C-alpha atoms as a PDB file:
ATOM      1  CA  UNK A   1     125.639  45.674 165.625  1.00  0.00           C
ATOM      2  CA  UNK A   2     126.800  49.288 165.537  1.00  0.00           C
ATOM      3  CA  UNK A   3     130.274  48.433 166.604  1.00  0.00           C
ATOM      4  CA  UNK A   4     130.663  45.153 164.390  1.00  0.00           C
ATOM      5  CA  UNK A   5     132.033  47.026 161.365  1.00  0.00           C
ATOM      6  CA  UNK A   6     134.490  49.163 163.334  1.00  0.00           C
ATOM      7  CA  UNK A   7     135.672  46.080 165.220  1.00  0.00           C
ATOM      8  CA  UNK A   8     135.906  44.102 162.035  1.00  0.00           C
ATOM      9  CA  UNK A   9     138.133  46.878 160.388  1.00  0.00           C
ATOM     10  CA  UNK A  10     140.352  47.093 163.347  1.00  0.00           C
ATOM     11  CA  UNK A  11     141.041  43.350 163.384  1.00  0.00           C
ATOM     12  CA  UNK A  12     141.493  43.487 159.550  1.00  0.00           C
ATOM     13  CA  UNK A  13     144.069  46.090 159.791  1.00  0.00           C
ATOM     14  CA  UNK A  14     145.856  44.524 162.535  1.00  0.00           C
ATOM     15  CA  UNK A  15     146.103  41.280 160.385  1.00  0.00           C
ATOM     16  CA  UNK A  16     147.766  43.252 157.458  1.00  0.00           C
ATOM     17  CA  UNK A  17     151.329  42.903 156.677  1.00  0.00           C
ATOM     18  CA  UNK A  18     153.386  45.357 158.740  1.00  0.00           C
ATOM     19  CA  UNK A  19     156.701  45.357 156.705  1.00  0.00           C
ATOM     20  CA  UNK A  20     155.441  48.532 154.790  1.00  0.00           C
ATOM     21  CA  UNK A  21     155.155  50.518 157.999  1.00  0.00           C
ATOM     22  CA  UNK A  22     158.079  49.210 160.041  1.00  0.00           C
ATOM     23  CA  UNK A  23     160.702  47.759 157.910  1.00  0.00           C
ATOM     24  CA  UNK A  24     160.716  49.596 154.625  1.00  0.00           C
ATOM     25  CA  UNK A  25     164.530  50.340 154.808  1.00  0.00           C
ATOM     26  CA  UNK A  26     165.717  47.033 156.661  1.00  0.00           C
ATOM     27  CA  UNK A  27     167.077  44.370 154.497  1.00  0.00           C
ATOM     28  CA  UNK A  28     166.666  41.491 156.960  1.00  0.00           C
ATOM     29  CA  UNK A  29     165.777  37.700 156.518  1.00  0.00           C
ATOM     30  CA  UNK A  30     162.397  38.365 155.154  1.00  0.00           C
ATOM     31  CA  UNK A  31     163.984  39.940 151.849  1.00  0.00           C
ATOM     32  CA  UNK A  32     166.947  37.813 151.794  1.00  0.00           C
ATOM     33  CA  UNK A  33     165.440  35.037 149.619  1.00  0.00           C
ATOM     34  CA  UNK A  34     165.564  34.271 146.015  1.00  0.00           C
ATOM     35  CA  UNK A  35     161.871  34.629 145.700  1.00  0.00           C
ATOM     36  CA  UNK A  36     161.944  38.373 146.810  1.00  0.00           C
ATOM     37  CA  UNK A  37     165.017  38.963 144.533  1.00  0.00           C
ATOM     38  CA  UNK A  38     163.152  37.572 141.465  1.00  0.00           C
ATOM     39  CA  UNK A  39     160.060  39.647 142.424  1.00  0.00           C
ATOM     40  CA  UNK A  40     161.920  43.071 141.996  1.00  0.00           C
ATOM     41  CA  UNK A  41     160.677  44.732 138.687  1.00  0.00           C
ATOM     42  CA  UNK A  42     163.508  44.494 136.343  1.00  0.00           C
ATOM     43  CA  UNK A  43     163.596  48.131 135.437  1.00  0.00           C
ATOM     44  CA  UNK A  44     164.835  48.795 139.153  1.00  0.00           C
ATOM     45  CA  UNK A  45     167.577  46.260 138.837  1.00  0.00           C
ATOM     46  CA  UNK A  46     168.586  47.573 135.435  1.00  0.00           C
ATOM     47  CA  UNK A  47     168.555  51.051 136.905  1.00  0.00           C
ATOM     48  CA  UNK A  48     170.567  50.221 139.996  1.00  0.00           C
ATOM     49  CA  UNK A  49     173.038  48.313 137.778  1.00  0.00           C
ATOM     50  CA  UNK A  50     173.651  51.148 135.493  1.00  0.00           C
ATOM     51  CA  UNK A  51     173.619  53.980 137.714  1.00  0.00           C
ATOM     52  CA  UNK A  52     174.983  53.115 141.076  1.00  0.00           C
ATOM     53  CA  UNK A  53     178.726  53.074 141.945  1.00  0.00           C
ATOM     54  CA  UNK A  54     179.404  51.362 145.206  1.00  0.00           C
ATOM     55  CA  UNK A  55     182.356  51.675 147.650  1.00  0.00           C
ATOM     56  CA  UNK A  56     182.594  48.862 150.276  1.00  0.00           C
ATOM     57  CA  UNK A  57     184.890  48.505 153.118  1.00  0.00           C
ATOM     58  CA  UNK A  58     185.163  45.325 155.253  1.00  0.00           C
ATOM     59  CA  UNK A  59     187.516  42.567 156.502  1.00  0.00           C
ATOM     60  CA  UNK A  60     186.654  38.889 156.740  1.00  0.00           C
ATOM     61  CA  UNK A  61     182.917  38.745 157.629  1.00  0.00           C
ATOM     62  CA  UNK A  62     182.170  41.389 155.151  1.00  0.00           C
ATOM     63  CA  UNK A  63     182.996  38.964 152.255  1.00  0.00           C
ATOM     64  CA  UNK A  64     179.447  37.401 152.746  1.00  0.00           C
ATOM     65  CA  UNK A  65     178.208  40.438 150.722  1.00  0.00           C
ATOM     66  CA  UNK A  66     180.816  40.684 148.085  1.00  0.00           C
ATOM     67  CA  UNK A  67     181.436  36.874 147.504  1.00  0.00           C
ATOM     68  CA  UNK A  68     177.626  36.494 147.180  1.00  0.00           C
ATOM     69  CA  UNK A  69     177.338  39.302 144.681  1.00  0.00           C
ATOM     70  CA  UNK A  70     180.236  37.960 142.640  1.00  0.00           C
ATOM     71  CA  UNK A  71     178.744  34.640 142.444  1.00  0.00           C
ATOM     72  CA  UNK A  72     175.106  35.599 141.542  1.00  0.00           C
ATOM     73  CA  UNK A  73     175.788  36.355 137.796  1.00  0.00           C
ATOM     74  CA  UNK A  74     176.395  32.727 137.177  1.00  0.00           C
ATOM     75  CA  UNK A  75     173.451  31.347 139.099  1.00  0.00           C
ATOM     76  CA  UNK A  76     170.799  31.086 136.513  1.00  0.00           C
ATOM     77  CA  UNK A  77     170.091  31.857 132.684  1.00  0.00           C
ATOM     78  CA  UNK A  78     170.159  35.529 132.241  1.00  0.00           C
ATOM     79  CA  UNK A  79     171.815  36.413 135.602  1.00  0.00           C
ATOM     80  CA  UNK A  80     175.091  37.179 133.725  1.00  0.00           C
ATOM     81  CA  UNK A  81     173.367  40.247 132.412  1.00  0.00           C
ATOM     82  CA  UNK A  82     170.870  41.063 135.031  1.00  0.00           C
ATOM     83  CA  UNK A  83     173.326  40.945 137.915  1.00  0.00           C
ATOM     84  CA  UNK A  84     176.517  41.802 136.021  1.00  0.00           C
ATOM     85  CA  UNK A  85     179.194  43.325 138.392  1.00  0.00           C
ATOM     86  CA  UNK A  86     182.740  44.636 138.401  1.00  0.00           C
ATOM     87  CA  UNK A  87     185.150  44.626 140.991  1.00  0.00           C
ATOM     88  CA  UNK A  88     187.616  47.685 141.393  1.00  0.00           C
ATOM     89  CA  UNK A  89     186.966  49.357 138.290  1.00  0.00           C
ATOM     90  CA  UNK A  90     187.066  50.765 135.669  1.00  0.00           C
ATOM     91  CA  UNK A  91     183.226  51.248 135.278  1.00  0.00           C
ATOM     92  CA  UNK A  92     181.904  49.095 132.482  1.00  0.00           C
ATOM     93  CA  UNK A  93     178.436  49.862 130.787  1.00  0.00           C
ATOM     94  CA  UNK A  94     175.877  47.396 131.945  1.00  0.00           C
ATOM     95  CA  UNK A  95     177.641  46.247 135.183  1.00  0.00           C
ATOM     96  CA  UNK A  96     177.189  47.289 138.660  1.00  0.00           C
ATOM     97  CA  UNK A  97     180.232  49.466 139.391  1.00  0.00           C
ATOM     98  CA  UNK A  98     181.630  47.840 142.696  1.00  0.00           C
ATOM     99  CA  UNK A  99     184.738  48.756 144.451  1.00  0.00           C
ATOM    100  CA  UNK A 100     185.621  46.022 147.081  1.00  0.00           C
ATOM    101  CA  UNK A 101     187.960  46.965 149.954  1.00  0.00           C
ATOM    102  CA  UNK A 102     187.779  50.591 148.779  1.00  0.00           C
ATOM    103  CA  UNK A 103     188.156  52.854 151.663  1.00  0.00           C
ATOM    104  CA  UNK A 104     190.909  51.525 153.902  1.00  0.00           C
ATOM    105  CA  UNK A 105     193.851  53.139 152.316  1.00  0.00           C
ATOM    106  CA  UNK A 106     192.090  56.478 152.918  1.00  0.00           C
ATOM    107  CA  UNK A 107     192.700  56.307 156.681  1.00  0.00           C
ATOM    108  CA  UNK A 108     193.878  59.260 158.664  1.00  0.00           C
ATOM    109  CA  UNK A 109     197.548  58.879 159.831  1.00  0.00           C
ATOM    110  CA  UNK A 110     197.806  56.201 162.524  1.00  0.00           C
ATOM    111  CA  UNK A 111     194.443  54.927 162.235  1.00  0.00           C
ATOM    112  CA  UNK A 112     193.118  51.405 161.165  1.00  0.00           C
ATOM    113  CA  UNK A 113     190.164  51.686 158.899  1.00  0.00           C
ATOM    114  CA  UNK A 114     189.943  48.220 157.713  1.00  0.00           C
ATOM    115  CA  UNK A 115     186.379  47.844 159.153  1.00  0.00           C
ATOM    116  CA  UNK A 116     184.075  49.310 161.757  1.00  0.00           C
ATOM    117  CA  UNK A 117     185.497  47.300 164.616  1.00  0.00           C
ATOM    118  CA  UNK A 118     189.322  48.173 164.533  1.00  0.00           C
ATOM    119  CA  UNK A 119     188.814  51.819 165.457  1.00  0.00           C
ATOM    120  CA  UNK A 120     185.269  52.862 165.982  1.00  0.00           C
ATOM    121  CA  UNK A 121     185.545  56.238 164.355  1.00  0.00           C
ATOM    122  CA  UNK A 122     188.342  55.880 161.762  1.00  0.00           C
ATOM    123  CA  UNK A 123     185.658  55.139 159.089  1.00  0.00           C
ATOM    124  CA  UNK A 124     184.547  58.934 159.458  1.00  0.00           C
ATOM    125  CA  UNK A 125     187.649  60.556 158.280  1.00  0.00           C
ATOM    126  CA  UNK A 126     188.574  57.728 155.828  1.00  0.00           C
ATOM    127  CA  UNK A 127     185.316  58.091 154.198  1.00  0.00           C
ATOM    128  CA  UNK A 128     185.673  61.878 153.842  1.00  0.00           C
ATOM    129  CA  UNK A 129     189.108  61.386 152.325  1.00  0.00           C
ATOM    130  CA  UNK A 130     187.823  58.973 149.886  1.00  0.00           C
ATOM    131  CA  UNK A 131     184.790  60.933 148.799  1.00  0.00           C
ATOM    132  CA  UNK A 132     186.941  64.098 148.543  1.00  0.00           C
ATOM    133  CA  UNK A 133     189.271  62.509 146.068  1.00  0.00           C
ATOM    134  CA  UNK A 134     188.215  63.470 142.572  1.00  0.00           C
ATOM    135  CA  UNK A 135     189.234  59.989 141.437  1.00  0.00           C
ATOM    136  CA  UNK A 136     186.015  58.853 143.255  1.00  0.00           C
ATOM    137  CA  UNK A 137     183.617  61.479 141.997  1.00  0.00           C
ATOM    138  CA  UNK A 138     181.186  59.110 140.775  1.00  0.00           C
ATOM    139  CA  UNK A 139     180.652  57.076 143.866  1.00  0.00           C
ATOM    140  CA  UNK A 140     177.155  57.514 145.001  1.00  0.00           C
ATOM    141  CA  UNK A 141     176.863  54.444 147.710  1.00  0.00           C
ATOM    142  CA  UNK A 142     179.007  53.776 150.479  1.00  0.00           C
ATOM    143  CA  UNK A 143     178.797  50.808 153.008  1.00  0.00           C
ATOM    144  CA  UNK A 144     181.084  49.756 155.931  1.00  0.00           C
ATOM    145  CA  UNK A 145     180.984  46.355 157.536  1.00  0.00           C
ATOM    146  CA  UNK A 146     181.678  45.274 161.134  1.00  0.00           C
ATOM    147  CA  UNK A 147     183.968  42.347 162.227  1.00  0.00           C
ATOM    148  CA  UNK A 148     182.702  41.610 165.845  1.00  0.00           C
ATOM    149  CA  UNK A 149     180.265  44.237 166.953  1.00  0.00           C
ATOM    150  CA  UNK A 150     180.153  43.063 170.661  1.00  0.00           C
ATOM    151  CA  UNK A 151     181.275  45.578 173.089  1.00  0.00           C
ATOM    152  CA  UNK A 152     181.566  48.467 170.615  1.00  0.00           C
ATOM    153  CA  UNK A 153     179.983  51.907 171.215  1.00  0.00           C
ATOM    154  CA  UNK A 154     177.226  51.863 168.484  1.00  0.00           C
ATOM    155  CA  UNK A 155     175.103  54.549 170.131  1.00  0.00           C
ATOM    156  CA  UNK A 156     177.979  56.884 170.901  1.00  0.00           C
ATOM    157  CA  UNK A 157     180.359  56.372 167.886  1.00  0.00           C
ATOM    158  CA  UNK A 158     178.685  54.509 164.951  1.00  0.00           C
ATOM    159  CA  UNK A 159     175.407  56.150 164.721  1.00  0.00           C
ATOM    160  CA  UNK A 160     176.584  59.576 165.387  1.00  0.00           C
ATOM    161  CA  UNK A 161     179.460  59.037 162.743  1.00  0.00           C
ATOM    162  CA  UNK A 162     177.154  57.796 160.107  1.00  0.00           C
ATOM    163  CA  UNK A 163     174.738  60.585 160.760  1.00  0.00           C
ATOM    164  CA  UNK A 164     177.719  63.240 160.290  1.00  0.00           C
ATOM    165  CA  UNK A 165     178.625  61.562 156.993  1.00  0.00           C
ATOM    166  CA  UNK A 166     174.949  61.794 155.862  1.00  0.00           C
ATOM    167  CA  UNK A 167     174.733  65.364 156.904  1.00  0.00           C
ATOM    168  CA  UNK A 168     177.954  66.180 154.957  1.00  0.00           C
ATOM    169  CA  UNK A 169     177.724  63.911 151.789  1.00  0.00           C
ATOM    170  CA  UNK A 170     173.871  62.909 151.714  1.00  0.00           C
ATOM    171  CA  UNK A 171     171.480  64.633 149.427  1.00  0.00           C
ATOM    172  CA  UNK A 172     171.487  68.270 150.481  1.00  0.00           C
ATOM    173  CA  UNK A 173     174.609  67.580 152.636  1.00  0.00           C
ATOM    174  CA  UNK A 174     177.092  70.484 153.318  1.00  0.00           C
ATOM    175  CA  UNK A 175     179.718  69.072 151.162  1.00  0.00           C
ATOM    176  CA  UNK A 176     177.501  68.615 148.246  1.00  0.00           C
ATOM    177  CA  UNK A 177     177.534  71.350 145.497  1.00  0.00           C
ATOM    178  CA  UNK A 178     179.829  72.978 143.141  1.00  0.00           C
ATOM    179  CA  UNK A 179     181.849  75.251 145.389  1.00  0.00           C
ATOM    180  CA  UNK A 180     185.294  74.743 146.689  1.00  0.00           C
ATOM    181  CA  UNK A 181     185.759  71.577 148.737  1.00  0.00           C
ATOM    182  CA  UNK A 182     182.410  70.205 147.611  1.00  0.00           C
ATOM    183  CA  UNK A 183     181.462  67.251 145.386  1.00  0.00           C
ATOM    184  CA  UNK A 184     178.667  67.313 142.855  1.00  0.00           C
ATOM    185  CA  UNK A 185     177.353  63.751 143.448  1.00  0.00           C
ATOM    186  CA  UNK A 186     175.441  62.926 146.820  1.00  0.00           C
ATOM    187  CA  UNK A 187     175.983  59.634 148.421  1.00  0.00           C
ATOM    188  CA  UNK A 188     173.557  57.135 149.899  1.00  0.00           C
ATOM    189  CA  UNK A 189     175.153  55.489 152.889  1.00  0.00           C
ATOM    190  CA  UNK A 190     173.998  51.909 153.877  1.00  0.00           C
ATOM    191  CA  UNK A 191     174.129  50.795 157.641  1.00  0.00           C
ATOM    192  CA  UNK A 192     174.899  47.310 158.646  1.00  0.00           C
ATOM    193  CA  UNK A 193     174.555  45.371 161.790  1.00  0.00           C
ATOM    194  CA  UNK A 194     177.114  42.882 163.178  1.00  0.00           C
ATOM    195  CA  UNK A 195     177.261  39.141 162.549  1.00  0.00           C
ATOM    196  CA  UNK A 196     175.807  36.736 164.917  1.00  0.00           C
ATOM    197  CA  UNK A 197     178.180  35.044 167.542  1.00  0.00           C
ATOM    198  CA  UNK A 198     177.330  31.629 168.592  1.00  0.00           C
ATOM    199  CA  UNK A 199     176.043  31.437 172.086  1.00  0.00           C
ATOM    200  CA  UNK A 200     176.924  35.106 172.657  1.00  0.00           C
ATOM    201  CA  UNK A 201     174.151  37.073 171.101  1.00  0.00           C
ATOM    202  CA  UNK A 202     172.044  38.259 173.815  1.00  0.00           C
ATOM    203  CA  UNK A 203     172.471  41.252 176.394  1.00  0.00           C
ATOM    204  CA  UNK A 204     173.613  44.646 176.227  1.00  0.00           C
ATOM    205  CA  UNK A 205     176.700  45.209 174.014  1.00  0.00           C
ATOM    206  CA  UNK A 206     176.115  41.936 172.252  1.00  0.00           C
ATOM    207  CA  UNK A 207     175.100  41.342 168.626  1.00  0.00           C
ATOM    208  CA  UNK A 208     171.181  41.176 169.098  1.00  0.00           C
ATOM    209  CA  UNK A 209     171.049  44.417 171.216  1.00  0.00           C
ATOM    210  CA  UNK A 210     173.482  46.110 169.056  1.00  0.00           C
ATOM    211  CA  UNK A 211     171.492  45.314 166.000  1.00  0.00           C
ATOM    212  CA  UNK A 212     168.361  46.702 167.526  1.00  0.00           C
ATOM    213  CA  UNK A 213     170.016  50.066 168.131  1.00  0.00           C
ATOM    214  CA  UNK A 214     170.954  50.141 164.458  1.00  0.00           C
ATOM    215  CA  UNK A 215     167.789  49.082 163.008  1.00  0.00           C
ATOM    216  CA  UNK A 216     165.739  51.183 165.222  1.00  0.00           C
ATOM    217  CA  UNK A 217     167.640  54.155 164.249  1.00  0.00           C
ATOM    218  CA  UNK A 218     167.269  53.355 160.508  1.00  0.00           C
ATOM    219  CA  UNK A 219     163.578  52.782 160.806  1.00  0.00           C
ATOM    220  CA  UNK A 220     163.204  56.236 162.734  1.00  0.00           C
ATOM    221  CA  UNK A 221     165.388  58.178 160.055  1.00  0.00           C
ATOM    222  CA  UNK A 222     164.473  56.386 156.686  1.00  0.00           C
ATOM    223  CA  UNK A 223     168.073  54.874 156.243  1.00  0.00           C
ATOM    224  CA  UNK A 224     168.872  51.634 154.625  1.00  0.00           C
ATOM    225  CA  UNK A 225     170.345  48.795 156.615  1.00  0.00           C
ATOM    226  CA  UNK A 226     171.798  45.417 155.780  1.00  0.00           C
ATOM    227  CA  UNK A 227     170.763  43.315 158.877  1.00  0.00           C
ATOM    228  CA  UNK A 228     173.530  40.746 159.168  1.00  0.00           C
ATOM    229  CA  UNK A 229     172.449  39.622 162.485  1.00  0.00           C
ATOM    230  CA  UNK A 230     168.831  38.860 161.432  1.00  0.00           C
ATOM    231  CA  UNK A 231     170.002  36.898 158.401  1.00  0.00           C
ATOM    232  CA  UNK A 232     172.450  34.858 160.497  1.00  0.00           C
ATOM    233  CA  UNK A 233     169.930  33.930 163.086  1.00  0.00           C
ATOM    234  CA  UNK A 234     167.004  32.924 160.884  1.00  0.00           C
ATOM    235  CA  UNK A 235     166.728  29.594 159.004  1.00  0.00           C
ATOM    236  CA  UNK A 236     165.250  29.536 155.465  1.00  0.00           C
ATOM    237  CA  UNK A 237     161.785  28.775 156.957  1.00  0.00           C
ATOM    238  CA  UNK A 238     161.928  32.088 159.112  1.00  0.00           C
ATOM    239  CA  UNK A 239     162.634  30.349 162.313  1.00  0.00           C
ATOM    240  CA  UNK A 240     164.779  32.385 164.773  1.00  0.00           C
ATOM    241  CA  UNK A 241     167.570  30.661 166.571  1.00  0.00           C
ATOM    242  CA  UNK A 242     169.100  33.091 169.093  1.00  0.00           C
ATOM    243  CA  UNK A 243     172.125  31.136 169.874  1.00  0.00           C
ATOM    244  CA  UNK A 244     173.176  30.719 166.194  1.00  0.00           C
ATOM    245  CA  UNK A 245     176.455  31.847 164.990  1.00  0.00           C
ATOM    246  CA  UNK A 246     177.324  33.391 161.495  1.00  0.00           C
ATOM    247  CA  UNK A 247     177.606  29.990 159.728  1.00  0.00           C
ATOM    248  CA  UNK A 248     173.953  28.790 160.471  1.00  0.00           C
ATOM    249  CA  UNK A 249     175.283  26.719 163.661  1.00  0.00           C
ATOM    250  CA  UNK A 250     172.844  26.347 166.461  1.00  0.00           C
ATOM    251  CA  UNK A 251     172.934  24.085 169.441  1.00  0.00           C
ATOM    252  CA  UNK A 252     169.181  24.733 169.956  1.00  0.00           C
ATOM    253  CA  UNK A 253     168.581  23.683 166.304  1.00  0.00           C
ATOM    254  CA  UNK A 254     170.790  20.639 166.722  1.00  0.00           C
ATOM    255  CA  UNK A 255     173.253  21.240 163.949  1.00  0.00           C
ATOM    256  CA  UNK A 256     173.555  23.735 161.096  1.00  0.00           C
ATOM    257  CA  UNK A 257     170.604  24.968 159.450  1.00  0.00           C
ATOM    258  CA  UNK A 258     172.059  26.463 156.528  1.00  0.00           C
ATOM    259  CA  UNK A 259     174.082  23.322 155.649  1.00  0.00           C
ATOM    260  CA  UNK A 260     171.072  21.122 155.964  1.00  0.00           C
ATOM    261  CA  UNK A 261     169.114  23.420 153.708  1.00  0.00           C
ATOM    262  CA  UNK A 262     171.840  23.446 151.111  1.00  0.00           C
ATOM    263  CA  UNK A 263     172.272  19.699 151.243  1.00  0.00           C
ATOM    264  CA  UNK A 264     168.546  19.290 150.608  1.00  0.00           C
ATOM    265  CA  UNK A 265     168.212  21.712 147.749  1.00  0.00           C
ATOM    266  CA  UNK A 266     169.541  21.913 144.155  1.00  0.00           C
ATOM    267  CA  UNK A 267     172.706  23.861 143.200  1.00  0.00           C
ATOM    268  CA  UNK A 268     171.732  26.249 140.219  1.00  0.00           C
ATOM    269  CA  UNK A 269     167.977  26.085 141.152  1.00  0.00           C
ATOM    270  CA  UNK A 270     167.836  26.934 144.875  1.00  0.00           C
ATOM    271  CA  UNK A 271     171.250  28.338 145.536  1.00  0.00           C
ATOM    272  CA  UNK A 272     174.483  29.107 143.828  1.00  0.00           C
ATOM    273  CA  UNK A 273     178.290  28.901 144.586  1.00  0.00           C
ATOM    274  CA  UNK A 274     179.829  32.132 145.808  1.00  0.00           C
ATOM    275  CA  UNK A 275     182.928  33.445 144.083  1.00  0.00           C
ATOM    276  CA  UNK A 276     186.042  35.472 145.389  1.00  0.00           C
ATOM    277  CA  UNK A 277     185.876  37.763 142.230  1.00  0.00           C
ATOM    278  CA  UNK A 278     183.511  38.045 139.415  1.00  0.00           C
ATOM    279  CA  UNK A 279     183.809  34.908 137.311  1.00  0.00           C
ATOM    280  CA  UNK A 280     186.598  33.660 139.717  1.00  0.00           C
ATOM    281  CA  UNK A 281     187.112  30.739 141.876  1.00  0.00           C
ATOM    282  CA  UNK A 282     184.364  29.440 143.919  1.00  0.00           C
ATOM    283  CA  UNK A 283     184.555  30.030 147.770  1.00  0.00           C
ATOM    284  CA  UNK A 284     182.536  30.347 150.792  1.00  0.00           C
ATOM    285  CA  UNK A 285     182.161  33.457 152.625  1.00  0.00           C
ATOM    286  CA  UNK A 286     184.678  33.779 155.400  1.00  0.00           C
ATOM    287  CA  UNK A 287     183.932  31.698 158.485  1.00  0.00           C
ATOM    288  CA  UNK A 288     181.257  29.736 156.392  1.00  0.00           C
ATOM    289  CA  UNK A 289     181.038  26.072 155.449  1.00  0.00           C
ATOM    290  CA  UNK A 290     178.178  26.580 153.247  1.00  0.00           C
ATOM    291  CA  UNK A 291     176.934  29.106 150.477  1.00  0.00           C
ATOM    292  CA  UNK A 292     173.590  30.176 151.796  1.00  0.00           C
ATOM    293  CA  UNK A 293     174.656  32.876 153.996  1.00  0.00           C
ATOM    294  CA  UNK A 294     176.411  34.789 151.379  1.00  0.00           C
ATOM    295  CA  UNK A 295     173.653  34.168 148.872  1.00  0.00           C
ATOM    296  CA  UNK A 296     171.155  35.637 151.322  1.00  0.00           C
ATOM    297  CA  UNK A 297     173.424  38.731 152.052  1.00  0.00           C
ATOM    298  CA  UNK A 298     173.746  39.239 148.131  1.00  0.00           C
ATOM    299  CA  UNK A 299     169.927  39.052 147.852  1.00  0.00           C
ATOM    300  CA  UNK A 300     169.455  41.479 150.570  1.00  0.00           C
ATOM    301  CA  UNK A 301     172.078  43.882 148.952  1.00  0.00           C
ATOM    302  CA  UNK A 302     170.297  43.862 145.679  1.00  0.00           C
ATOM    303  CA  UNK A 303     166.982  44.636 147.516  1.00  0.00           C
ATOM    304  CA  UNK A 304     168.682  47.782 148.950  1.00  0.00           C
ATOM    305  CA  UNK A 305     170.096  48.739 145.596  1.00  0.00           C
ATOM    306  CA  UNK A 306     166.714  48.485 143.852  1.00  0.00           C
ATOM    307  CA  UNK A 307     165.152  50.517 146.629  1.00  0.00           C
ATOM    308  CA  UNK A 308     167.800  53.180 146.299  1.00  0.00           C
ATOM    309  CA  UNK A 309     166.995  53.076 142.530  1.00  0.00           C
ATOM    310  CA  UNK A 310     163.397  54.160 143.326  1.00  0.00           C
ATOM    311  CA  UNK A 311     161.614  50.738 143.819  1.00  0.00           C
ATOM    312  CA  UNK A 312     158.631  50.776 146.187  1.00  0.00           C
ATOM    313  CA  UNK A 313     157.602  47.311 146.870  1.00  0.00           C
ATOM    314  CA  UNK A 314     154.060  48.406 147.932  1.00  0.00           C
ATOM    315  CA  UNK A 315     153.309  50.184 144.633  1.00  0.00           C
ATOM    316  CA  UNK A 316     155.655  48.897 141.957  1.00  0.00           C
ATOM    317  CA  UNK A 317     154.189  45.360 141.238  1.00  0.00           C
ATOM    318  CA  UNK A 318     153.713  45.024 137.370  1.00  0.00           C
ATOM    319  CA  UNK A 319     154.361  42.060 135.451  1.00  0.00           C
ATOM    320  CA  UNK A 320     158.018  42.802 134.779  1.00  0.00           C
ATOM    321  CA  UNK A 321     159.881  41.274 137.748  1.00  0.00           C
ATOM    322  CA  UNK A 322     163.400  39.964 137.440  1.00  0.00           C
ATOM    323  CA  UNK A 323     162.211  36.523 136.448  1.00  0.00           C
ATOM    324  CA  UNK A 324     159.343  37.885 134.310  1.00  0.00           C
ATOM    325  CA  UNK A 325     156.663  36.889 136.751  1.00  0.00           C
ATOM    326  CA  UNK A 326     154.029  39.186 138.233  1.00  0.00           C
ATOM    327  CA  UNK A 327     154.200  39.477 141.992  1.00  0.00           C
ATOM    328  CA  UNK A 328     153.730  41.847 144.856  1.00  0.00           C
ATOM    329  CA  UNK A 329     156.134  41.539 147.954  1.00  0.00           C
ATOM    330  CA  UNK A 330     155.590  43.617 150.983  1.00  0.00           C
ATOM    331  CA  UNK A 331     157.463  46.753 151.596  1.00  0.00           C
ATOM    332  CA  UNK A 332     157.530  50.526 151.696  1.00  0.00           C
ATOM    333  CA  UNK A 333     155.599  53.147 153.501  1.00  0.00           C
ATOM    334  CA  UNK A 334     155.485  55.693 150.508  1.00  0.00           C
ATOM    335  CA  UNK A 335     156.673  56.143 146.941  1.00  0.00           C
ATOM    336  CA  UNK A 336     160.407  56.841 146.572  1.00  0.00           C
ATOM    337  CA  UNK A 337     161.626  59.491 144.204  1.00  0.00           C
ATOM    338  CA  UNK A 338     164.350  58.892 141.717  1.00  0.00           C
ATOM    339  CA  UNK A 339     166.460  61.966 141.528  1.00  0.00           C
ATOM    340  CA  UNK A 340     168.691  59.847 140.793  1.00  0.00           C
ATOM    341  CA  UNK A 341     169.330  58.925 144.391  1.00  0.00           C
ATOM    342  CA  UNK A 342     166.751  58.411 147.265  1.00  0.00           C
ATOM    343  CA  UNK A 343     166.569  61.472 149.310  1.00  0.00           C
ATOM    344  CA  UNK A 344     166.487  60.301 152.980  1.00  0.00           C
ATOM    345  CA  UNK A 345     163.763  61.579 155.317  1.00  0.00           C
END
């Protein structure tokens, strides 16, 4: 009997949700749902929308985020205010200040900085050039997207390159301050994994293993990551399809799990049409034949933005969620400070 209580406590602790300890910073399929989005306390959505200024660079696959963000305001009643967004400036009070395709033009001579895949290190100098431009002084969030991640040197180029930018422009960075060659506003950098590739995800240098390198690094250092690969390969019930592509198509599943889910659920209730620009024409994310993939990546992006704005899912769970309901999703390891940006570990 003397060991019964310790044994019970051990088993109880093992059964507790582990997202708070392991995945506080990873926006994967478990947070890429409407239910999680609606559970975020509204004050953090409002704070993110009113204080964050985002520069995003990508090519075709990266449209899953932007098209999802642009469609979300027309989803449900009140979303036009809650998730209001601009595209390309100027900043508008009450709307998320978002700059799509923002950094490519700032490339170093002779380099292609269209995405992370064209030239593996071009993003570093392009980001410096962009952030050093006084016209971009307000920018406080930067994210770059991959095209195909297969075969790229994530460990040798991407991770060190992102760390260099964080060391320079993140909170307390060497280029943050009021001196010559410095900027006053620190920047939060969002990492991203690569999209899934049908029947080509497994093994060294392929999307699954590349994603693990990135998410492991982000967990270790406390950096935010939008996990494209994880969202692409999990259906809405959370089942993992390791052969899936970036459109929800899987031979093991026997079809397309995102198309099937969309066709069996209600537009305007369970999902929404993505849009090319805010209030613009309806469109799928690139390489998609359904809206769910981009919906989910928009949910994941807002989860990250709320976290940057100071939301701690483990501790902030009053009855003021985005849909007015009281809820408590799983989440962080410790309280975040708003100053106004998250200070990385």
